[in-house]
PDB file of N, CA and C in Angstrom:
ATOM      1  N   MET A   1      29.408 197.472 225.586  1.00  0.00           N
ATOM      2  CA  MET A   1      30.126 197.008 224.868  1.00  0.00           C
ATOM      3  C   MET A   1      31.505 196.439 225.442  1.00  0.00           C
ATOM      4  N   ARG A   2      32.092 195.246 225.009  1.00  0.00           N
ATOM      5  CA  ARG A   2      33.219 194.665 225.843  1.00  0.00           C
ATOM      6  C   ARG A   2      34.465 195.378 224.909  1.00  0.00           C
ATOM      7  N   GLY A   3      35.631 195.177 225.705  1.00  0.00           N
ATOM      8  CA  GLY A   3      36.790 196.136 224.928  1.00  0.00           C
ATOM      9  C   GLY A   3      37.174 195.386 223.665  1.00  0.00           C
ATOM     10  N   VAL A   4      38.104 196.173 222.500  1.00  0.00           N
ATOM     11  CA  VAL A   4      38.372 195.500 221.656  1.00  0.00           C
ATOM     12  C   VAL A   4      39.948 195.018 222.031  1.00  0.00           C
ATOM     13  N   ALA A   5      40.498 193.831 221.309  1.00  0.00           N
ATOM     14  CA  ALA A   5      41.610 193.496 222.021  1.00  0.00           C
ATOM     15  C   ALA A   5      42.713 194.186 220.979  1.00  0.00           C
ATOM     16  N   SER A   6      44.001 194.690 221.503  1.00  0.00           N
ATOM     17  CA  SER A   6      44.713 195.231 220.754  1.00  0.00           C
ATOM     18  C   SER A   6      44.902 194.693 219.083  1.00  0.00           C
ATOM     19  N   VAL A   7      45.377 195.645 218.078  1.00  0.00           N
ATOM     20  CA  VAL A   7      45.656 195.300 216.881  1.00  0.00           C
ATOM     21  C   VAL A   7      47.090 194.456 217.107  1.00  0.00           C
ATOM     22  N   ALA A   8      47.047 193.562 216.140  1.00  0.00           N
ATOM     23  CA  ALA A   8      48.652 192.695 216.065  1.00  0.00           C
ATOM     24  C   ALA A   8      49.114 193.476 215.069  1.00  0.00           C
ATOM     25  N   GLN A   9      50.448 193.536 214.939  1.00  0.00           N
ATOM     26  CA  GLN A   9      51.370 194.093 214.147  1.00  0.00           C
ATOM     27  C   GLN A   9      52.451 192.962 213.587  1.00  0.00           C
ATOM     28  N   LEU A  10      52.292 192.365 212.295  1.00  0.00           N
ATOM     29  CA  LEU A  10      53.241 191.149 212.072  1.00  0.00           C
ATOM     30  C   LEU A  10      53.525 191.408 210.674  1.00  0.00           C
ATOM     31  N   SER A  11      54.667 190.157 210.372  1.00  0.00           N
ATOM     32  CA  SER A  11      54.715 190.149 208.907  1.00  0.00           C
ATOM     33  C   SER A  11      54.119 189.083 208.198  1.00  0.00           C
ATOM     34  N   CYS A  12      53.711 189.204 207.135  1.00  0.00           N
ATOM     35  CA  CYS A  12      53.285 188.036 206.279  1.00  0.00           C
ATOM     36  C   CYS A  12      54.006 186.834 206.118  1.00  0.00           C
ATOM     37  N   PRO A  13      53.581 185.535 206.817  1.00  0.00           N
ATOM     38  CA  PRO A  13      54.866 184.718 206.278  1.00  0.00           C
ATOM     39  C   PRO A  13      55.119 184.411 204.860  1.00  0.00           C
ATOM     40  N   GLY A  14      54.136 185.127 203.904  1.00  0.00           N
ATOM     41  CA  GLY A  14      54.379 184.497 202.471  1.00  0.00           C
ATOM     42  C   GLY A  14      55.305 185.467 201.813  1.00  0.00           C
ATOM     43  N   CYS A  15      54.666 186.680 202.074  1.00  0.00           N
ATOM     44  CA  CYS A  15      55.552 187.915 201.305  1.00  0.00           C
ATOM     45  C   CYS A  15      56.226 189.181 202.085  1.00  0.00           C
ATOM     46  N   GLU A  16      56.265 188.845 203.305  1.00  0.00           N
ATOM     47  CA  GLU A  16      56.797 189.629 204.245  1.00  0.00           C
ATOM     48  C   GLU A  16      56.091 191.057 204.543  1.00  0.00           C
ATOM     49  N   THR A  17      54.955 191.227 203.838  1.00  0.00           N
ATOM     50  CA  THR A  17      54.330 192.501 203.820  1.00  0.00           C
ATOM     51  C   THR A  17      53.959 192.879 205.413  1.00  0.00           C
ATOM     52  N   THR A  18      53.975 193.982 206.068  1.00  0.00           N
ATOM     53  CA  THR A  18      53.886 194.310 207.323  1.00  0.00           C
ATOM     54  C   THR A  18      52.345 194.557 207.496  1.00  0.00           C
ATOM     55  N   LEU A  19      51.643 193.607 208.529  1.00  0.00           N
ATOM     56  CA  LEU A  19      50.006 193.667 208.602  1.00  0.00           C
ATOM     57  C   LEU A  19      50.011 194.222 209.841  1.00  0.00           C
ATOM     58  N   LEU A  20      48.556 195.123 209.742  1.00  0.00           N
ATOM     59  CA  LEU A  20      47.788 195.511 211.066  1.00  0.00           C
ATOM     60  C   LEU A  20      46.543 194.676 210.994  1.00  0.00           C
ATOM     61  N   VAL A  21      46.853 193.379 211.691  1.00  0.00           N
ATOM     62  CA  VAL A  21      45.578 192.653 212.069  1.00  0.00           C
ATOM     63  C   VAL A  21      44.314 192.908 212.903  1.00  0.00           C
ATOM     64  N   LEU A  22      43.252 193.271 212.438  1.00  0.00           N
ATOM     65  CA  LEU A  22      42.232 193.559 213.608  1.00  0.00           C
ATOM     66  C   LEU A  22      41.234 192.415 213.796  1.00  0.00           C
ATOM     67  N   PRO A  23      40.862 192.411 215.234  1.00  0.00           N
ATOM     68  CA  PRO A  23      40.232 191.059 215.335  1.00  0.00           C
ATOM     69  C   PRO A  23      38.798 191.169 215.040  1.00  0.00           C
ATOM     70  N   GLU A  24      38.080 189.848 214.908  1.00  0.00           N
ATOM     71  CA  GLU A  24      36.944 189.883 213.995  1.00  0.00           C
ATOM     72  C   GLU A  24      36.061 190.661 214.885  1.00  0.00           C
ATOM     73  N   VAL A  25      35.801 190.865 216.317  1.00  0.00           N
ATOM     74  CA  VAL A  25      35.406 191.698 216.944  1.00  0.00           C
ATOM     75  C   VAL A  25      34.747 193.140 216.294  1.00  0.00           C
ATOM     76  N   VAL A  26      35.834 193.817 215.630  1.00  0.00           N
ATOM     77  CA  VAL A  26      35.614 194.968 214.637  1.00  0.00           C
ATOM     78  C   VAL A  26      34.404 194.739 213.835  1.00  0.00           C
ATOM     79  N   ALA A  27      34.510 193.885 213.213  1.00  0.00           N
ATOM     80  CA  ALA A  27      33.377 193.699 212.089  1.00  0.00           C
ATOM     81  C   ALA A  27      31.861 193.222 212.914  1.00  0.00           C
ATOM     82  N   ASN A  28      32.108 192.577 214.212  1.00  0.00           N
ATOM     83  CA  ASN A  28      30.674 192.806 214.918  1.00  0.00           C
ATOM     84  C   ASN A  28      30.478 194.186 214.933  1.00  0.00           C
ATOM     85  N   VAL A  29      31.201 194.932 215.808  1.00  0.00           N
ATOM     86  CA  VAL A  29      30.862 196.266 216.325  1.00  0.00           C
ATOM     87  C   VAL A  29      30.486 196.991 215.153  1.00  0.00           C
ATOM     88  N   LEU A  30      30.900 197.139 213.763  1.00  0.00           N
ATOM     89  CA  LEU A  30      30.420 197.843 212.752  1.00  0.00           C
ATOM     90  C   LEU A  30      29.066 197.251 212.233  1.00  0.00           C
ATOM     91  N   GLU A  31      28.624 195.687 212.850  1.00  0.00           N
ATOM     92  CA  GLU A  31      27.603 195.316 212.046  1.00  0.00           C
ATOM     93  C   GLU A  31      28.151 194.835 210.597  1.00  0.00           C
ATOM     94  N   VAL A  32      28.977 194.513 210.096  1.00  0.00           N
ATOM     95  CA  VAL A  32      29.448 193.752 208.947  1.00  0.00           C
ATOM     96  C   VAL A  32      29.902 192.407 208.904  1.00  0.00           C
ATOM     97  N   ARG A  33      29.675 191.986 207.870  1.00  0.00           N
ATOM     98  CA  ARG A  33      30.321 190.840 207.685  1.00  0.00           C
ATOM     99  C   ARG A  33      32.045 190.782 207.803  1.00  0.00           C
ATOM    100  N   ALA A  34      32.845 189.879 208.379  1.00  0.00           N
ATOM    101  CA  ALA A  34      34.073 189.955 208.646  1.00  0.00           C
ATOM    102  C   ALA A  34      34.788 189.782 207.223  1.00  0.00           C
ATOM    103  N   GLU A  35      34.089 189.002 206.116  1.00  0.00           N
ATOM    104  CA  GLU A  35      34.746 188.730 204.783  1.00  0.00           C
ATOM    105  C   GLU A  35      34.441 190.115 204.111  1.00  0.00           C
ATOM    106  N   ARG A  36      33.533 190.764 204.327  1.00  0.00           N
ATOM    107  CA  ARG A  36      33.258 192.002 203.512  1.00  0.00           C
ATOM    108  C   ARG A  36      34.265 193.184 204.454  1.00  0.00           C
ATOM    109  N   LEU A  37      34.221 192.949 205.415  1.00  0.00           N
ATOM    110  CA  LEU A  37      35.210 194.418 206.044  1.00  0.00           C
ATOM    111  C   LEU A  37      36.671 193.974 205.644  1.00  0.00           C
ATOM    112  N   ARG A  38      37.325 192.372 205.542  1.00  0.00           N
ATOM    113  CA  ARG A  38      38.553 192.109 205.065  1.00  0.00           C
ATOM    114  C   ARG A  38      38.602 192.650 203.509  1.00  0.00           C
ATOM    115  N   ASP A  39      37.647 192.512 202.755  1.00  0.00           N
ATOM    116  CA  ASP A  39      37.726 193.077 201.376  1.00  0.00           C
ATOM    117  C   ASP A  39      37.893 194.646 201.446  1.00  0.00           C
ATOM    118  N   VAL A  40      37.505 195.111 201.840  1.00  0.00           N
ATOM    119  CA  VAL A  40      37.408 196.722 202.160  1.00  0.00           C
ATOM    120  C   VAL A  40      38.905 197.219 202.258  1.00  0.00           C
ATOM    121  N   LEU A  41      39.239 196.494 203.959  1.00  0.00           N
ATOM    122  CA  LEU A  41      40.392 196.715 204.311  1.00  0.00           C
ATOM    123  C   LEU A  41      41.655 196.319 203.686  1.00  0.00           C
ATOM    124  N   GLY A  42      41.553 195.349 202.705  1.00  0.00           N
ATOM    125  CA  GLY A  42      42.357 194.607 202.103  1.00  0.00           C
ATOM    126  C   GLY A  42      43.174 195.669 200.919  1.00  0.00           C
ATOM    127  N   GLY A  43      42.251 196.522 200.517  1.00  0.00           N
ATOM    128  CA  GLY A  43      42.533 197.960 199.523  1.00  0.00           C
ATOM    129  C   GLY A  43      43.481 198.922 200.056  1.00  0.00           C
ATOM    130  N   LEU A  44      43.198 198.992 201.344  1.00  0.00           N
ATOM    131  CA  LEU A  44      43.601 199.972 202.144  1.00  0.00           C
ATOM    132  C   LEU A  44      45.312 199.771 202.360  1.00  0.00           C
ATOM    133  N   GLU A  45      45.941 200.854 202.588  1.00  0.00           N
ATOM    134  CA  GLU A  45      47.403 200.679 202.841  1.00  0.00           C
ATOM    135  C   GLU A  45      47.561 202.091 203.959  1.00  0.00           C
ATOM    136  N   TYR A  46      48.097 201.774 204.974  1.00  0.00           N
ATOM    137  CA  TYR A  46      48.244 202.674 206.179  1.00  0.00           C
ATOM    138  C   TYR A  46      49.583 203.899 205.674  1.00  0.00           C
ATOM    139  N   ASN A  47      49.610 204.907 206.193  1.00  0.00           N
ATOM    140  CA  ASN A  47      50.600 205.689 205.722  1.00  0.00           C
ATOM    141  C   ASN A  47      52.122 205.278 206.003  1.00  0.00           C
ATOM    142  N   SER A  48      52.417 204.485 206.639  1.00  0.00           N
ATOM    143  CA  SER A  48      53.841 203.726 207.050  1.00  0.00           C
ATOM    144  C   SER A  48      53.689 202.667 205.996  1.00  0.00           C
ATOM    145  N   GLY A  49      52.847 202.395 204.941  1.00  0.00           N
ATOM    146  CA  GLY A  49      52.884 201.085 204.058  1.00  0.00           C
ATOM    147  C   GLY A  49      52.288 200.004 204.712  1.00  0.00           C
ATOM    148  N   ASN A  50      52.112 199.939 205.721  1.00  0.00           N
ATOM    149  CA  ASN A  50      51.242 198.831 206.599  1.00  0.00           C
ATOM    150  C   ASN A  50      49.927 198.332 205.773  1.00  0.00           C
ATOM    151  N   ARG A  51      49.574 197.368 205.618  1.00  0.00           N
ATOM    152  CA  ARG A  51      48.417 196.699 205.039  1.00  0.00           C
ATOM    153  C   ARG A  51      47.187 196.231 206.096  1.00  0.00           C
ATOM    154  N   PHE A  52      46.182 196.554 206.235  1.00  0.00           N
ATOM    155  CA  PHE A  52      45.325 196.001 207.336  1.00  0.00           C
ATOM    156  C   PHE A  52      44.456 194.589 206.512  1.00  0.00           C
ATOM    157  N   THR A  53      44.152 193.819 207.637  1.00  0.00           N
ATOM    158  CA  THR A  53      43.474 192.749 207.385  1.00  0.00           C
ATOM    159  C   THR A  53      42.649 192.429 208.624  1.00  0.00           C
ATOM    160  N   VAL A  54      41.984 191.502 208.528  1.00  0.00           N
ATOM    161  CA  VAL A  54      41.234 190.934 209.765  1.00  0.00           C
ATOM    162  C   VAL A  54      41.081 189.505 210.138  1.00  0.00           C
ATOM    163  N   ALA A  55      41.244 189.419 211.322  1.00  0.00           N
ATOM    164  CA  ALA A  55      41.158 187.908 211.861  1.00  0.00           C
ATOM    165  C   ALA A  55      40.137 187.504 211.982  1.00  0.00           C
ATOM    166  N   ASP A  56      39.879 186.005 212.072  1.00  0.00           N
ATOM    167  CA  ASP A  56      38.852 185.491 212.344  1.00  0.00           C
ATOM    168  C   ASP A  56      38.725 185.014 214.123  1.00  0.00           C
ATOM    169  N   GLN A  57      38.019 184.329 214.707  1.00  0.00           N
ATOM    170  CA  GLN A  57      37.701 184.436 216.092  1.00  0.00           C
ATOM    171  C   GLN A  57      39.064 183.597 216.534  1.00  0.00           C
ATOM    172  N   GLU A  58      39.603 182.891 215.987  1.00  0.00           N
ATOM    173  CA  GLU A  58      40.735 181.874 216.281  1.00  0.00           C
ATOM    174  C   GLU A  58      42.032 182.745 216.062  1.00  0.00           C
ATOM    175  N   GLY A  59      41.972 183.993 215.376  1.00  0.00           N
ATOM    176  CA  GLY A  59      43.382 184.719 215.120  1.00  0.00           C
ATOM    177  C   GLY A  59      43.762 184.216 213.747  1.00  0.00           C
ATOM    178  N   PHE A  60      43.247 183.792 212.909  1.00  0.00           N
ATOM    179  CA  PHE A  60      43.860 183.406 211.467  1.00  0.00           C
ATOM    180  C   PHE A  60      43.352 184.484 210.671  1.00  0.00           C
ATOM    181  N   PHE A  61      44.295 184.700 209.671  1.00  0.00           N
ATOM    182  CA  PHE A  61      44.198 185.767 208.728  1.00  0.00           C
ATOM    183  C   PHE A  61      44.579 185.295 207.328  1.00  0.00           C
ATOM    184  N   LEU A  62      44.041 186.193 206.446  1.00  0.00           N
ATOM    185  CA  LEU A  62      44.456 185.964 205.138  1.00  0.00           C
ATOM    186  C   LEU A  62      45.314 187.223 204.532  1.00  0.00           C
ATOM    187  N   CYS A  63      46.570 187.327 204.110  1.00  0.00           N
ATOM    188  CA  CYS A  63      47.307 188.637 203.697  1.00  0.00           C
ATOM    189  C   CYS A  63      46.597 189.086 202.442  1.00  0.00           C
ATOM    190  N   PRO A  64      46.259 190.088 202.277  1.00  0.00           N
ATOM    191  CA  PRO A  64      45.359 190.854 201.282  1.00  0.00           C
ATOM    192  C   PRO A  64      46.264 191.153 200.253  1.00  0.00           C
ATOM    193  N   ARG A  65      47.714 190.988 200.058  1.00  0.00           N
ATOM    194  CA  ARG A  65      48.416 190.987 199.049  1.00  0.00           C
ATOM    195  C   ARG A  65      48.865 189.729 198.286  1.00  0.00           C
ATOM    196  N   CYS A  66      49.575 188.826 198.982  1.00  0.00           N
ATOM    197  CA  CYS A  66      49.409 187.323 198.405  1.00  0.00           C
ATOM    198  C   CYS A  66      48.481 186.323 199.101  1.00  0.00           C
ATOM    199  N   SER A  67      47.655 186.387 199.643  1.00  0.00           N
ATOM    200  CA  SER A  67      46.386 185.250 200.193  1.00  0.00           C
ATOM    201  C   SER A  67      47.061 184.564 200.863  1.00  0.00           C
ATOM    202  N   MET A  68      48.496 184.344 201.757  1.00  0.00           N
ATOM    203  CA  MET A  68      48.976 183.544 202.365  1.00  0.00           C
ATOM    204  C   MET A  68      48.393 183.666 203.874  1.00  0.00           C
ATOM    205  N   SER A  69      48.081 182.608 204.056  1.00  0.00           N
ATOM    206  CA  SER A  69      47.393 182.434 205.905  1.00  0.00           C
ATOM    207  C   SER A  69      48.362 182.843 206.854  1.00  0.00           C
ATOM    208  N   GLY A  70      47.998 183.032 207.973  1.00  0.00           N
ATOM    209  CA  GLY A  70      48.910 183.277 209.089  1.00  0.00           C
ATOM    210  C   GLY A  70      47.897 183.018 210.530  1.00  0.00           C
ATOM    211  N   CYS A  71      48.629 183.436 211.512  1.00  0.00           N
ATOM    212  CA  CYS A  71      47.984 183.730 212.780  1.00  0.00           C
ATOM    213  C   CYS A  71      48.701 184.582 213.665  1.00  0.00           C
ATOM    214  N   ALA A  72      47.489 185.229 214.123  1.00  0.00           N
ATOM    215  CA  ALA A  72      47.661 186.440 215.044  1.00  0.00           C
ATOM    216  C   ALA A  72      46.890 186.234 216.294  1.00  0.00           C
ATOM    217  N   THR A  73      47.779 185.754 217.351  1.00  0.00           N
ATOM    218  CA  THR A  73      47.233 185.302 218.396  1.00  0.00           C
ATOM    219  C   THR A  73      46.783 186.355 219.097  1.00  0.00           C
ATOM    220  N   GLU A  74      47.419 187.597 219.237  1.00  0.00           N
ATOM    221  CA  GLU A  74      47.332 188.954 219.662  1.00  0.00           C
ATOM    222  C   GLU A  74      45.742 189.352 219.522  1.00  0.00           C
ATOM    223  N   ALA A  75      45.440 189.072 218.141  1.00  0.00           N
ATOM    224  CA  ALA A  75      44.086 189.851 217.460  1.00  0.00           C
ATOM    225  C   ALA A  75      42.942 188.952 218.125  1.00  0.00           C
ATOM    226  N   ARG A  76      42.791 188.058 218.980  1.00  0.00           N
ATOM    227  CA  ARG A  76      41.815 187.336 219.273  1.00  0.00           C
ATOM    228  C   ARG A  76      40.765 188.192 220.185  1.00  0.00           C
ATOM    229  N   ALA A  77      39.633 188.081 220.152  1.00  0.00           N
ATOM    230  CA  ALA A  77      38.550 189.176 220.945  1.00  0.00           C
ATOM    231  C   ALA A  77      38.433 188.519 222.097  1.00  0.00           C
TER     232      ALA A  77
END
């Protein structure tokens, strides 16, 4: 198995929520659809208050709080 790229930590361009963006390869490793993983993670909040989401192959993601899209190039697999 190849390594997983670093998680990107950034602010949502719409609501300023701090997001921890996981690369799509995480869904592949867990053998679930990225959309399903995004739905599950979107309801979680890290102890620092950061929210989780999953990027697609190009690094694009949707904020789980406001649904604004953004791009996290650091999350590319």
